[in-house]
C-alpha atoms as a PDB file:
ATOM      1  CA  MET A   1      88.417  -6.931  -4.111  1.00  0.00           C
ATOM      2  CA  GLN A   2      85.155  -6.086  -5.800  1.00  0.00           C
ATOM      3  CA  SER A   3      86.616  -6.208  -9.325  1.00  0.00           C
ATOM      4  CA  GLN A   4      88.504  -9.476  -8.628  1.00  0.00           C
ATOM      5  CA  LEU A   5      85.797 -11.494  -6.913  1.00  0.00           C
ATOM      6  CA  CYS A   6      82.448  -9.975  -7.825  1.00  0.00           C
ATOM      7  CA  PRO A   7      81.914  -8.525 -11.312  1.00  0.00           C
ATOM      8  CA  ARG A   8      79.667  -5.483 -11.498  1.00  0.00           C
ATOM      9  CA  GLY A   9      76.032  -6.471 -11.818  1.00  0.00           C
ATOM     10  CA  GLN A  10      76.535  -9.903 -10.263  1.00  0.00           C
ATOM     11  CA  GLN A  11      74.032 -11.027  -7.667  1.00  0.00           C
ATOM     12  CA  LEU A  12      75.517 -12.080  -4.344  1.00  0.00           C
ATOM     13  CA  PRO A  13      74.410 -15.360  -2.751  1.00  0.00           C
ATOM     14  CA  HIS A  14      71.262 -15.236  -0.639  1.00  0.00           C
ATOM     15  CA  ILE A  15      71.888 -15.045   3.074  1.00  0.00           C
ATOM     16  CA  ARG A  16      70.014 -18.276   3.684  1.00  0.00           C
ATOM     17  CA  ASP A  17      72.233 -20.120   1.190  1.00  0.00           C
ATOM     18  CA  LEU A  18      75.398 -19.014   2.960  1.00  0.00           C
ATOM     19  CA  VAL A  19      73.955 -19.970   6.336  1.00  0.00           C
ATOM     20  CA  GLU A  20      72.835 -23.378   5.074  1.00  0.00           C
ATOM     21  CA  ALA A  21      76.339 -23.969   3.730  1.00  0.00           C
ATOM     22  CA  GLY A  22      77.435 -23.838   7.371  1.00  0.00           C
ATOM     23  CA  GLU A  23      80.216 -21.307   6.932  1.00  0.00           C
ATOM     24  CA  VAL A  24      78.848 -18.375   8.944  1.00  0.00           C
ATOM     25  CA  SER A  25      75.906 -17.398  11.108  1.00  0.00           C
ATOM     26  CA  LYS A  26      72.913 -15.460   9.779  1.00  0.00           C
ATOM     27  CA  PRO A  27      73.612 -12.331  11.902  1.00  0.00           C
ATOM     28  CA  THR A  28      77.207 -12.244  10.631  1.00  0.00           C
ATOM     29  CA  VAL A  29      76.181 -12.446   6.959  1.00  0.00           C
ATOM     30  CA  HIS A  30      73.389  -9.934   7.452  1.00  0.00           C
ATOM     31  CA  GLN A  31      75.783  -7.485   9.107  1.00  0.00           C
ATOM     32  CA  ALA A  32      78.348  -7.924   6.304  1.00  0.00           C
ATOM     33  CA  TYR A  33      75.766  -7.284   3.580  1.00  0.00           C
ATOM     34  CA  LYS A  34      74.492  -4.200   5.398  1.00  0.00           C
ATOM     35  CA  ALA A  35      78.050  -2.878   5.617  1.00  0.00           C
ATOM     36  CA  LEU A  36      78.531  -3.367   1.859  1.00  0.00           C
ATOM     37  CA  GLU A  37      75.251  -1.573   1.169  1.00  0.00           C
ATOM     38  CA  ALA A  38      76.110   1.301   3.510  1.00  0.00           C
ATOM     39  CA  GLY A  39      79.423   1.670   1.687  1.00  0.00           C
ATOM     40  CA  GLY A  40      77.658   1.974  -1.643  1.00  0.00           C
ATOM     41  CA  LEU A  41      79.240  -1.195  -3.050  1.00  0.00           C
ATOM     42  CA  VAL A  42      75.985  -3.108  -3.517  1.00  0.00           C
ATOM     43  CA  THR A  43      72.280  -2.421  -3.828  1.00  0.00           C
ATOM     44  CA  SER A  44      69.586  -4.468  -2.171  1.00  0.00           C
ATOM     45  CA  SER A  45      65.913  -4.760  -3.036  1.00  0.00           C
ATOM     46  CA  ARG A  46      63.059  -7.213  -2.707  1.00  0.00           C
ATOM     47  CA  GLY A  47      62.800  -9.520  -5.661  1.00  0.00           C
ATOM     48  CA  HIS A  48      66.355  -8.805  -6.833  1.00  0.00           C
ATOM     49  CA  GLY A  49      68.419  -9.622  -3.771  1.00  0.00           C
ATOM     50  CA  THR A  50      71.830  -8.026  -3.247  1.00  0.00           C
ATOM     51  CA  VAL A  51      73.648  -6.969  -6.425  1.00  0.00           C
ATOM     52  CA  VAL A  52      77.096  -5.480  -6.986  1.00  0.00           C
ATOM     53  CA  ARG A  53      76.723  -1.987  -8.411  1.00  0.00           C
ATOM     54  CA  SER A  54      76.873  -2.294 -12.159  1.00  0.00           C
ATOM     55  CA  GLN A  55      77.488   1.234 -13.375  1.00  0.00           C
ATOM     56  CA  THR A  56      80.686   3.208 -13.520  1.00  0.00           C
ATOM     57  CA  PRO A  57      80.159   6.918 -12.861  1.00  0.00           C
ATOM     58  CA  ILE A  58      79.196   9.272 -15.669  1.00  0.00           C
ATOM     59  CA  LYS A  59      82.083  11.632 -16.417  1.00  0.00           C
ATOM     60  CA  ARG A  60      80.826  15.120 -15.572  1.00  0.00           C
ATOM     61  CA  LEU A  61      82.796  17.459 -17.799  1.00  0.00           C
ATOM     62  CA  GLY A  62      82.634  20.516 -15.580  1.00  0.00           C
ATOM     63  CA  ILE A  63      83.679  23.572 -17.586  1.00  0.00           C
ATOM     64  CA  SER A  64      83.798  22.041 -21.053  1.00  0.00           C
ATOM     65  CA  CYS A  65      80.225  20.730 -20.982  1.00  0.00           C
ATOM     66  CA  TYR A  66      79.163  24.365 -21.450  1.00  0.00           C
ATOM     67  CA  ASP A  67      81.358  24.921 -24.523  1.00  0.00           C
ATOM     68  CA  LYS A  68      79.322  27.109 -26.876  1.00  0.00           C
ATOM     69  CA  VAL A  69      80.172  24.920 -29.840  1.00  0.00           C
ATOM     70  CA  LYS A  70      78.129  22.151 -28.209  1.00  0.00           C
ATOM     71  CA  TRP A  71      74.826  24.003 -27.763  1.00  0.00           C
ATOM     72  CA  ARG A  72      75.090  27.124 -29.970  1.00  0.00           C
ATOM     73  CA  ASP A  73      76.485  25.373 -33.048  1.00  0.00           C
ATOM     74  CA  GLY A  74      75.389  21.821 -32.242  1.00  0.00           C
ATOM     75  CA  ASP A  75      72.787  20.029 -30.168  1.00  0.00           C
ATOM     76  CA  GLU A  76      74.618  18.818 -27.066  1.00  0.00           C
ATOM     77  CA  VAL A  77      73.074  20.151 -23.879  1.00  0.00           C
ATOM     78  CA  ALA A  78      75.081  19.495 -20.708  1.00  0.00           C
ATOM     79  CA  PHE A  79      73.689  16.066 -19.797  1.00  0.00           C
ATOM     80  CA  ILE A  80      74.077  14.823 -23.387  1.00  0.00           C
ATOM     81  CA  ALA A  81      77.650  16.157 -23.572  1.00  0.00           C
ATOM     82  CA  ASP A  82      78.478  14.201 -20.411  1.00  0.00           C
ATOM     83  CA  ARG A  83      77.003  11.002 -21.857  1.00  0.00           C
ATOM     84  CA  VAL A  84      78.871  11.432 -25.145  1.00  0.00           C
ATOM     85  CA  GLU A  85      82.187  11.950 -23.328  1.00  0.00           C
ATOM     86  CA  SER A  86      81.513   8.912 -21.143  1.00  0.00           C
ATOM     87  CA  GLY A  87      80.666   6.713 -24.128  1.00  0.00           C
ATOM     88  CA  ARG A  88      77.173   6.170 -22.780  1.00  0.00           C
ATOM     89  CA  ALA A  89      73.919   5.939 -24.699  1.00  0.00           C
ATOM     90  CA  TYR A  90      71.240   8.594 -24.210  1.00  0.00           C
ATOM     91  CA  ARG A  91      67.735   9.434 -25.289  1.00  0.00           C
ATOM     92  CA  ARG A  92      66.458  12.999 -25.308  1.00  0.00           C
ATOM     93  CA  GLY A  93      63.317  11.819 -23.521  1.00  0.00           C
ATOM     94  CA  GLU A  94      65.428  10.791 -20.516  1.00  0.00           C
ATOM     95  CA  GLN A  95      64.994  14.371 -19.350  1.00  0.00           C
ATOM     96  CA  ALA A  96      61.486  15.110 -18.085  1.00  0.00           C
ATOM     97  CA  GLN A  97      60.410  18.474 -16.758  1.00  0.00           C
ATOM     98  CA  ASN A  98      57.711  20.357 -14.994  1.00  0.00           C
ATOM     99  CA  VAL A  99      57.381  24.107 -15.592  1.00  0.00           C
ATOM    100  CA  SER A 100      55.576  26.340 -13.116  1.00  0.00           C
ATOM    101  CA  ARG A 101      55.266  30.002 -12.201  1.00  0.00           C
ATOM    102  CA  ILE A 102      56.127  30.437  -8.521  1.00  0.00           C
ATOM    103  CA  GLU A 103      57.098  32.990  -5.914  1.00  0.00           C
ATOM    104  CA  ALA A 104      60.885  33.159  -5.975  1.00  0.00           C
ATOM    105  CA  PRO A 105      62.581  31.492  -2.990  1.00  0.00           C
ATOM    106  CA  PRO A 106      64.919  33.914  -1.148  1.00  0.00           C
ATOM    107  CA  ALA A 107      68.125  32.598  -2.766  1.00  0.00           C
ATOM    108  CA  VAL A 108      66.562  32.818  -6.233  1.00  0.00           C
ATOM    109  CA  ALA A 109      65.258  36.349  -5.679  1.00  0.00           C
ATOM    110  CA  ALA A 110      68.688  37.428  -4.409  1.00  0.00           C
ATOM    111  CA  ALA A 111      70.487  35.920  -7.393  1.00  0.00           C
ATOM    112  CA  HIS A 112      68.189  37.656  -9.877  1.00  0.00           C
ATOM    113  CA  GLY A 113      68.044  40.923  -7.928  1.00  0.00           C
ATOM    114  CA  LEU A 114      64.284  40.632  -7.495  1.00  0.00           C
ATOM    115  CA  PRO A 115      62.209  41.946  -4.591  1.00  0.00           C
ATOM    116  CA  ALA A 116      60.658  39.549  -2.093  1.00  0.00           C
ATOM    117  CA  GLY A 117      57.449  38.037  -3.433  1.00  0.00           C
ATOM    118  CA  ALA A 118      58.386  38.420  -7.107  1.00  0.00           C
ATOM    119  CA  GLU A 119      57.429  35.588  -9.423  1.00  0.00           C
ATOM    120  CA  VAL A 120      59.790  33.500 -11.549  1.00  0.00           C
ATOM    121  CA  TYR A 121      59.509  30.507 -13.832  1.00  0.00           C
ATOM    122  CA  ALA A 122      60.818  27.270 -12.324  1.00  0.00           C
ATOM    123  CA  ARG A 123      61.808  24.575 -14.830  1.00  0.00           C
ATOM    124  CA  ALA A 124      62.332  21.391 -12.810  1.00  0.00           C
ATOM    125  CA  ARG A 125      63.989  18.472 -14.600  1.00  0.00           C
ATOM    126  CA  LEU A 126      64.488  14.854 -13.631  1.00  0.00           C
ATOM    127  CA  VAL A 127      67.213  13.197 -15.700  1.00  0.00           C
ATOM    128  CA  LYS A 128      67.554   9.432 -16.028  1.00  0.00           C
ATOM    129  CA  GLU A 129      69.949   6.990 -17.602  1.00  0.00           C
ATOM    130  CA  GLY A 130      67.633   4.309 -18.865  1.00  0.00           C
ATOM    131  CA  ASP A 131      65.316   3.656 -15.929  1.00  0.00           C
ATOM    132  CA  GLN A 132      67.715   4.941 -13.268  1.00  0.00           C
ATOM    133  CA  PRO A 133      67.457   8.589 -12.184  1.00  0.00           C
ATOM    134  CA  THR A 134      70.832  10.357 -12.054  1.00  0.00           C
ATOM    135  CA  HIS A 135      69.975  13.883 -10.942  1.00  0.00           C
ATOM    136  CA  THR A 136      67.479  16.682 -10.711  1.00  0.00           C
ATOM    137  CA  LEU A 137      68.015  20.231 -11.921  1.00  0.00           C
ATOM    138  CA  THR A 138      65.676  23.181 -11.419  1.00  0.00           C
ATOM    139  CA  SER A 139      66.381  26.402 -13.318  1.00  0.00           C
ATOM    140  CA  TYR A 140      64.791  29.679 -12.264  1.00  0.00           C
ATOM    141  CA  TYR A 141      64.210  32.465 -14.811  1.00  0.00           C
ATOM    142  CA  ARG A 142      62.885  36.012 -14.729  1.00  0.00           C
ATOM    143  CA  LEU A 143      59.464  36.091 -16.385  1.00  0.00           C
ATOM    144  CA  GLU A 144      60.370  38.607 -19.096  1.00  0.00           C
ATOM    145  CA  LEU A 145      63.348  36.541 -20.285  1.00  0.00           C
ATOM    146  CA  VAL A 146      61.510  33.322 -21.094  1.00  0.00           C
ATOM    147  CA  GLU A 147      57.819  34.142 -21.485  1.00  0.00           C
ATOM    148  CA  GLY A 148      56.555  32.558 -24.708  1.00  0.00           C
ATOM    149  CA  THR A 149      59.773  30.611 -25.372  1.00  0.00           C
ATOM    150  CA  ARG A 150      60.469  26.880 -25.435  1.00  0.00           C
ATOM    151  CA  LEU A 151      61.773  27.144 -21.872  1.00  0.00           C
ATOM    152  CA  VAL A 152      58.217  27.238 -20.558  1.00  0.00           C
ATOM    153  CA  ASP A 153      57.197  24.191 -22.622  1.00  0.00           C
ATOM    154  CA  PRO A 154      56.923  21.056 -20.384  1.00  0.00           C
ATOM    155  CA  THR A 155      57.479  18.630 -23.280  1.00  0.00           C
ATOM    156  CA  PRO A 156      60.044  15.948 -22.208  1.00  0.00           C
ATOM    157  CA  GLY A 157      63.596  16.463 -23.435  1.00  0.00           C
ATOM    158  CA  PRO A 158      65.766  19.577 -23.862  1.00  0.00           C
ATOM    159  CA  ALA A 159      64.094  22.815 -24.970  1.00  0.00           C
ATOM    160  CA  GLY A 160      64.676  22.228 -28.666  1.00  0.00           C
ATOM    161  CA  ARG A 161      67.981  22.158 -30.520  1.00  0.00           C
ATOM    162  CA  GLY A 162      70.774  23.348 -28.233  1.00  0.00           C
ATOM    163  CA  GLY A 163      68.548  23.420 -25.170  1.00  0.00           C
ATOM    164  CA  GLY A 164      67.949  26.312 -22.801  1.00  0.00           C
ATOM    165  CA  TYR A 165      71.144  28.237 -23.475  1.00  0.00           C
ATOM    166  CA  ARG A 166      70.333  28.242 -27.198  1.00  0.00           C
ATOM    167  CA  VAL A 167      66.868  29.620 -26.402  1.00  0.00           C
ATOM    168  CA  LEU A 168      68.426  32.449 -24.391  1.00  0.00           C
ATOM    169  CA  TYR A 169      71.008  33.053 -27.137  1.00  0.00           C
ATOM    170  CA  ASP A 170      68.298  33.357 -29.783  1.00  0.00           C
ATOM    171  CA  ALA A 171      66.472  35.840 -27.535  1.00  0.00           C
ATOM    172  CA  GLY A 172      69.591  38.027 -27.358  1.00  0.00           C
ATOM    173  CA  TYR A 173      71.001  36.777 -24.057  1.00  0.00           C
ATOM    174  CA  GLU A 174      74.298  35.062 -24.839  1.00  0.00           C
ATOM    175  CA  ILE A 175      75.799  33.424 -21.759  1.00  0.00           C
ATOM    176  CA  ASP A 176      79.319  34.596 -20.963  1.00  0.00           C
ATOM    177  CA  HIS A 177      80.301  33.359 -17.496  1.00  0.00           C
ATOM    178  CA  MET A 178      78.901  31.346 -14.626  1.00  0.00           C
ATOM    179  CA  LYS A 179      79.573  30.420 -11.045  1.00  0.00           C
ATOM    180  CA  GLU A 180      79.073  26.919  -9.673  1.00  0.00           C
ATOM    181  CA  GLU A 181      79.035  25.893  -6.015  1.00  0.00           C
ATOM    182  CA  LEU A 182      78.974  22.250  -4.866  1.00  0.00           C
ATOM    183  CA  PHE A 183      77.878  20.860  -1.511  1.00  0.00           C
ATOM    184  CA  ALA A 184      77.865  17.201  -0.406  1.00  0.00           C
ATOM    185  CA  ARG A 185      75.068  16.335   2.021  1.00  0.00           C
ATOM    186  CA  ILE A 186      72.684  13.681   3.271  1.00  0.00           C
ATOM    187  CA  PRO A 187      69.625  13.395   0.997  1.00  0.00           C
ATOM    188  CA  THR A 188      66.103  14.124   2.122  1.00  0.00           C
ATOM    189  CA  ALA A 189      63.547  11.326   2.252  1.00  0.00           C
ATOM    190  CA  GLU A 190      61.928  12.737  -0.903  1.00  0.00           C
ATOM    191  CA  GLU A 191      65.286  12.724  -2.750  1.00  0.00           C
ATOM    192  CA  VAL A 192      65.979   9.131  -1.686  1.00  0.00           C
ATOM    193  CA  LYS A 193      62.691   8.092  -3.284  1.00  0.00           C
ATOM    194  CA  LEU A 194      62.973  10.289  -6.390  1.00  0.00           C
ATOM    195  CA  LEU A 195      66.585   9.340  -7.214  1.00  0.00           C
ATOM    196  CA  GLN A 196      66.182   5.724  -6.024  1.00  0.00           C
ATOM    197  CA  LEU A 197      69.167   6.055  -3.722  1.00  0.00           C
ATOM    198  CA  PRO A 198      70.582   3.072  -1.829  1.00  0.00           C
ATOM    199  CA  VAL A 199      71.183   3.194   1.906  1.00  0.00           C
ATOM    200  CA  GLY A 200      74.158   5.408   2.748  1.00  0.00           C
ATOM    201  CA  GLU A 201      74.259   7.265  -0.572  1.00  0.00           C
ATOM    202  CA  LEU A 202      75.069  10.979  -0.368  1.00  0.00           C
ATOM    203  CA  VAL A 203      74.029  13.640  -2.854  1.00  0.00           C
ATOM    204  CA  VAL A 204      75.969  16.558  -4.296  1.00  0.00           C
ATOM    205  CA  GLU A 205      73.976  19.779  -4.488  1.00  0.00           C
ATOM    206  CA  LEU A 206      74.887  22.189  -7.270  1.00  0.00           C
ATOM    207  CA  HIS A 207      74.139  25.919  -7.291  1.00  0.00           C
ATOM    208  CA  ARG A 208      74.752  27.550 -10.686  1.00  0.00           C
ATOM    209  CA  THR A 209      74.479  31.241 -11.553  1.00  0.00           C
ATOM    210  CA  THR A 210      74.691  32.000 -15.285  1.00  0.00           C
ATOM    211  CA  CYS A 211      75.335  35.516 -16.590  1.00  0.00           C
ATOM    212  CA  THR A 212      75.750  37.509 -19.800  1.00  0.00           C
ATOM    213  CA  ALA A 213      78.860  39.643 -20.461  1.00  0.00           C
ATOM    214  CA  ASP A 214      77.235  42.640 -18.725  1.00  0.00           C
ATOM    215  CA  ASP A 215      76.580  40.512 -15.578  1.00  0.00           C
ATOM    216  CA  THR A 216      72.853  40.078 -16.198  1.00  0.00           C
ATOM    217  CA  VAL A 217      71.790  36.880 -14.424  1.00  0.00           C
ATOM    218  CA  VAL A 218      69.777  34.852 -16.931  1.00  0.00           C
ATOM    219  CA  GLU A 219      69.511  31.594 -14.959  1.00  0.00           C
ATOM    220  CA  TYR A 220      69.871  30.466 -11.369  1.00  0.00           C
ATOM    221  CA  ALA A 221      69.808  26.675 -11.044  1.00  0.00           C
ATOM    222  CA  VAL A 222      69.874  24.136  -8.234  1.00  0.00           C
ATOM    223  CA  GLY A 223      70.747  20.523  -8.982  1.00  0.00           C
ATOM    224  CA  VAL A 224      70.858  17.396  -6.835  1.00  0.00           C
ATOM    225  CA  HIS A 225      73.159  14.610  -8.085  1.00  0.00           C
ATOM    226  CA  ALA A 226      73.505  11.075  -6.764  1.00  0.00           C
ATOM    227  CA  ALA A 227      77.123  11.185  -5.562  1.00  0.00           C
ATOM    228  CA  SER A 228      78.251   7.779  -6.819  1.00  0.00           C
ATOM    229  CA  ARG A 229      76.759   8.209 -10.298  1.00  0.00           C
ATOM    230  CA  PHE A 230      79.080  11.038 -11.372  1.00  0.00           C
ATOM    231  CA  ALA A 231      82.814  11.684 -11.535  1.00  0.00           C
ATOM    232  CA  ARG A 232      83.739  15.331 -12.138  1.00  0.00           C
ATOM    233  CA  GLU A 233      86.555  16.355 -14.429  1.00  0.00           C
ATOM    234  CA  TYR A 234      88.010  19.854 -14.890  1.00  0.00           C
ATOM    235  CA  ASP A 235      90.540  20.975 -17.478  1.00  0.00           C
ATOM    236  CA  PHE A 236      91.628  24.606 -17.251  1.00  0.00           C
ATOM    237  CA  LYS A 237      94.566  26.961 -17.536  1.00  0.00           C
ATOM    238  CA  VAL A 238      96.245  27.673 -14.202  1.00  0.00           C
ATOM    239  CA  PRO A 239      95.872  31.403 -13.457  1.00  0.00           C
ATOM    240  CA  ASP A 240      98.806  33.671 -12.695  1.00  0.00           C
ATOM    241  CA  SER A 241      97.184  36.823 -11.321  1.00  0.00           C
ATOM    242  CA  ALA A 242     100.520  38.493 -10.527  1.00  0.00           C
ATOM    243  CA  ARG A 243     101.644  38.436 -14.143  1.00  0.00           C
ATOM    244  CA  GLU A 244      98.203  39.484 -15.345  1.00  0.00           C
ATOM    245  CA  GLU A 245      98.369  42.550 -13.082  1.00  0.00           C
ATOM    246  CA  GLU A 246     101.871  43.351 -14.396  1.00  0.00           C
ATOM    247  CA  ALA A 247     100.648  43.145 -17.987  1.00  0.00           C
ATOM    248  CA  GLN A 248      97.794  45.527 -17.245  1.00  0.00           C
ATOM    249  CA  SER A 249      99.975  48.110 -15.499  1.00  0.00           C
END
């Protein structure tokens, strides 16, 4: 119904105009608009009224966004790779970051095998598409891995050509495998404000552990994505563990 009657980005009639037309009562229209907003179909704000959501989700590439050819041999960090695949424009400055030295939260210390109270570098990024925030991502690093590198530079944009994984690669830490966990949840009040979320919008929380071939954890990251602004895509070979075990025996 949305695509047939209301093109994306179109402003819906003001409630008072519908009421004055004599078709429905004000409480009925107000309730209908609130239901559309709660369902994530429209956004509502003062000065702009109620508008049909204009953006299709960014295609999140999943596994292939970490392809080494993108960041080791080229200059496509994950968020840029997603934009390229989705046919969307991007500017490197759409990623802003704050770098700080903090006491590792329990989950971070556990991931890195650090004792309680140990310090890590936290590189917190806010990524936007134009003026609209899409997600946050905070990466936590052991001090000795990134001290003096571009990863502790707060300049907006990726950490130089190839981004953070290229920095680690140049320092002798080539990433080999990672684990990602995803959780859908209700956003906090701070996240609603930071990501400019409409009423009823959920977020998807990402936990990512990145390792070298010898299982050294070089990054533990936590991201918060506006649920409706991404569509995840995975392309992978279906495993057959039984045959793999037979081949090894």
